[in-house]
C-alpha atoms as a PDB file:
ATOM      1  CA  MET A   1     157.881 192.626 303.718  1.00  0.00           C
ATOM      2  CA  HIS A   2     161.429 191.969 304.856  1.00  0.00           C
ATOM      3  CA  GLN A   3     161.304 188.255 305.720  1.00  0.00           C
ATOM      4  CA  MET A   4     160.621 185.250 303.538  1.00  0.00           C
ATOM      5  CA  TYR A   5     157.368 183.518 304.388  1.00  0.00           C
ATOM      6  CA  GLY A   6     155.222 181.323 302.248  1.00  0.00           C
ATOM      7  CA  THR A   7     154.449 177.934 300.845  1.00  0.00           C
ATOM      8  CA  ALA A   8     156.771 176.585 298.157  1.00  0.00           C
ATOM      9  CA  TYR A   9     153.965 176.222 295.614  1.00  0.00           C
ATOM     10  CA  TYR A  10     152.796 179.835 295.909  1.00  0.00           C
ATOM     11  CA  ILE A  11     156.009 181.776 296.494  1.00  0.00           C
ATOM     12  CA  ALA A  12     157.141 184.224 293.813  1.00  0.00           C
ATOM     13  CA  PRO A  13     160.625 183.754 292.305  1.00  0.00           C
ATOM     14  CA  GLU A  14     161.854 187.140 293.519  1.00  0.00           C
ATOM     15  CA  VAL A  15     161.032 186.266 297.132  1.00  0.00           C
ATOM     16  CA  LEU A  16     163.695 183.570 296.848  1.00  0.00           C
ATOM     17  CA  GLU A  17     166.135 186.421 296.165  1.00  0.00           C
ATOM     18  CA  SER A  18     164.828 188.409 299.176  1.00  0.00           C
ATOM     19  CA  LYS A  19     163.091 190.950 296.929  1.00  0.00           C
ATOM     20  CA  TYR A  20     159.584 190.950 298.340  1.00  0.00           C
ATOM     21  CA  THR A  21     157.158 193.535 296.955  1.00  0.00           C
ATOM     22  CA  LYS A  22     153.407 193.652 296.484  1.00  0.00           C
ATOM     23  CA  ALA A  23     153.989 192.128 293.024  1.00  0.00           C
ATOM     24  CA  CYS A  24     154.654 188.836 294.834  1.00  0.00           C
ATOM     25  CA  ASP A  25     151.018 188.662 295.864  1.00  0.00           C
ATOM     26  CA  LEU A  26     149.918 188.917 292.228  1.00  0.00           C
ATOM     27  CA  TRP A  27     152.176 185.964 291.394  1.00  0.00           C
ATOM     28  CA  SER A  28     150.450 183.957 294.121  1.00  0.00           C
ATOM     29  CA  ILE A  29     147.048 184.894 292.714  1.00  0.00           C
ATOM     30  CA  GLY A  30     148.227 183.539 289.365  1.00  0.00           C
ATOM     31  CA  VAL A  31     149.249 180.281 291.020  1.00  0.00           C
ATOM     32  CA  ILE A  32     145.851 180.002 292.703  1.00  0.00           C
ATOM     33  CA  LEU A  33     144.093 180.647 289.377  1.00  0.00           C
ATOM     34  CA  TYR A  34     146.282 178.022 287.711  1.00  0.00           C
ATOM     35  CA  ILE A  35     145.307 175.495 290.385  1.00  0.00           C
ATOM     36  CA  LEU A  36     141.610 176.374 290.133  1.00  0.00           C
ATOM     37  CA  LEU A  37     141.649 175.848 286.356  1.00  0.00           C
ATOM     38  CA  SER A  38     143.834 172.739 286.256  1.00  0.00           C
ATOM     39  CA  GLY A  39     143.468 170.986 289.593  1.00  0.00           C
ATOM     40  CA  ARG A  40     147.236 170.923 290.131  1.00  0.00           C
ATOM     41  CA  PRO A  41     150.006 173.382 290.971  1.00  0.00           C
ATOM     42  CA  PRO A  42     152.099 174.883 288.158  1.00  0.00           C
ATOM     43  CA  PHE A  43     155.365 173.701 289.723  1.00  0.00           C
ATOM     44  CA  SER A  44     156.113 170.262 291.064  1.00  0.00           C
ATOM     45  CA  GLY A  45     158.848 168.327 292.746  1.00  0.00           C
ATOM     46  CA  LYS A  46     159.501 165.544 295.220  1.00  0.00           C
ATOM     47  CA  ASN A  47     160.201 168.042 298.004  1.00  0.00           C
ATOM     48  CA  ASP A  48     160.258 171.781 298.743  1.00  0.00           C
ATOM     49  CA  LYS A  49     163.804 172.127 297.414  1.00  0.00           C
ATOM     50  CA  GLU A  50     162.774 170.774 294.003  1.00  0.00           C
ATOM     51  CA  ILE A  51     159.597 172.853 293.948  1.00  0.00           C
ATOM     52  CA  LEU A  52     161.547 176.007 294.804  1.00  0.00           C
ATOM     53  CA  ARG A  53     164.039 175.249 292.013  1.00  0.00           C
ATOM     54  CA  ALA A  54     161.136 174.997 289.565  1.00  0.00           C
ATOM     55  CA  VAL A  55     159.651 178.261 290.868  1.00  0.00           C
ATOM     56  CA  ARG A  56     163.026 180.001 290.518  1.00  0.00           C
ATOM     57  CA  GLU A  57     163.206 178.860 286.883  1.00  0.00           C
ATOM     58  CA  GLY A  58     159.628 180.046 286.376  1.00  0.00           C
ATOM     59  CA  ASN A  59     158.769 177.437 283.763  1.00  0.00           C
ATOM     60  CA  TYR A  60     155.214 176.171 283.787  1.00  0.00           C
ATOM     61  CA  SER A  61     152.984 174.773 281.076  1.00  0.00           C
ATOM     62  CA  LEU A  62     149.664 175.916 279.682  1.00  0.00           C
ATOM     63  CA  LYS A  63     149.643 173.142 277.075  1.00  0.00           C
ATOM     64  CA  GLY A  64     147.842 169.849 276.793  1.00  0.00           C
ATOM     65  CA  ASP A  65     144.268 168.631 276.547  1.00  0.00           C
ATOM     66  CA  LEU A  66     143.180 170.302 279.764  1.00  0.00           C
ATOM     67  CA  TRP A  67     144.519 173.726 278.744  1.00  0.00           C
ATOM     68  CA  GLU A  68     143.033 173.429 275.249  1.00  0.00           C
ATOM     69  CA  ARG A  69     139.635 173.517 276.967  1.00  0.00           C
ATOM     70  CA  ARG A  70     140.477 176.762 278.815  1.00  0.00           C
ATOM     71  CA  SER A  71     139.906 180.174 277.309  1.00  0.00           C
ATOM     72  CA  GLU A  72     142.737 182.237 275.866  1.00  0.00           C
ATOM     73  CA  GLN A  73     141.687 185.024 278.254  1.00  0.00           C
ATOM     74  CA  SER A  74     142.227 182.806 281.290  1.00  0.00           C
ATOM     75  CA  LYS A  75     145.626 181.660 280.011  1.00  0.00           C
ATOM     76  CA  SER A  76     146.602 185.246 279.220  1.00  0.00           C
ATOM     77  CA  LEU A  77     145.649 186.290 282.750  1.00  0.00           C
ATOM     78  CA  ILE A  78     147.800 183.520 284.216  1.00  0.00           C
ATOM     79  CA  ARG A  79     150.733 184.524 282.000  1.00  0.00           C
ATOM     80  CA  GLY A  80     150.338 188.140 283.104  1.00  0.00           C
ATOM     81  CA  LEU A  81     150.131 187.286 286.785  1.00  0.00           C
ATOM     82  CA  MET A  82     152.930 184.724 286.662  1.00  0.00           C
ATOM     83  CA  ASN A  83     155.355 186.788 284.628  1.00  0.00           C
ATOM     84  CA  LYS A  84     158.781 186.020 286.087  1.00  0.00           C
ATOM     85  CA  ASP A  85     159.733 189.678 285.586  1.00  0.00           C
ATOM     86  CA  ALA A  86     157.979 191.405 288.480  1.00  0.00           C
ATOM     87  CA  GLU A  87     158.249 194.763 286.683  1.00  0.00           C
ATOM     88  CA  LYS A  88     156.164 193.395 283.789  1.00  0.00           C
ATOM     89  CA  ARG A  89     153.718 191.460 285.960  1.00  0.00           C
ATOM     90  CA  LEU A  90     150.087 192.534 285.994  1.00  0.00           C
ATOM     91  CA  THR A  91     149.097 194.784 288.857  1.00  0.00           C
ATOM     92  CA  ALA A  92     145.894 194.988 290.821  1.00  0.00           C
END
């Protein structure tokens, strides 16, 4: 838990600041859930640098036609898992 490993789409924002804890894994679970429910990753970009910038900002959308068809419980779970503040993020 001292080195930065991971794929740009799944990496937690705090890992980019070299602050890796087990909360990072919950972020990644949120990303996976987001992808399972939407068919696309929550952050996008032309390359890893752009994707990592989007992850660092932590802005993703749960709006639009697709998300209107998803339950509030599923969106709440994603928000809890992908809370940018690792201290407030859901735990296992």
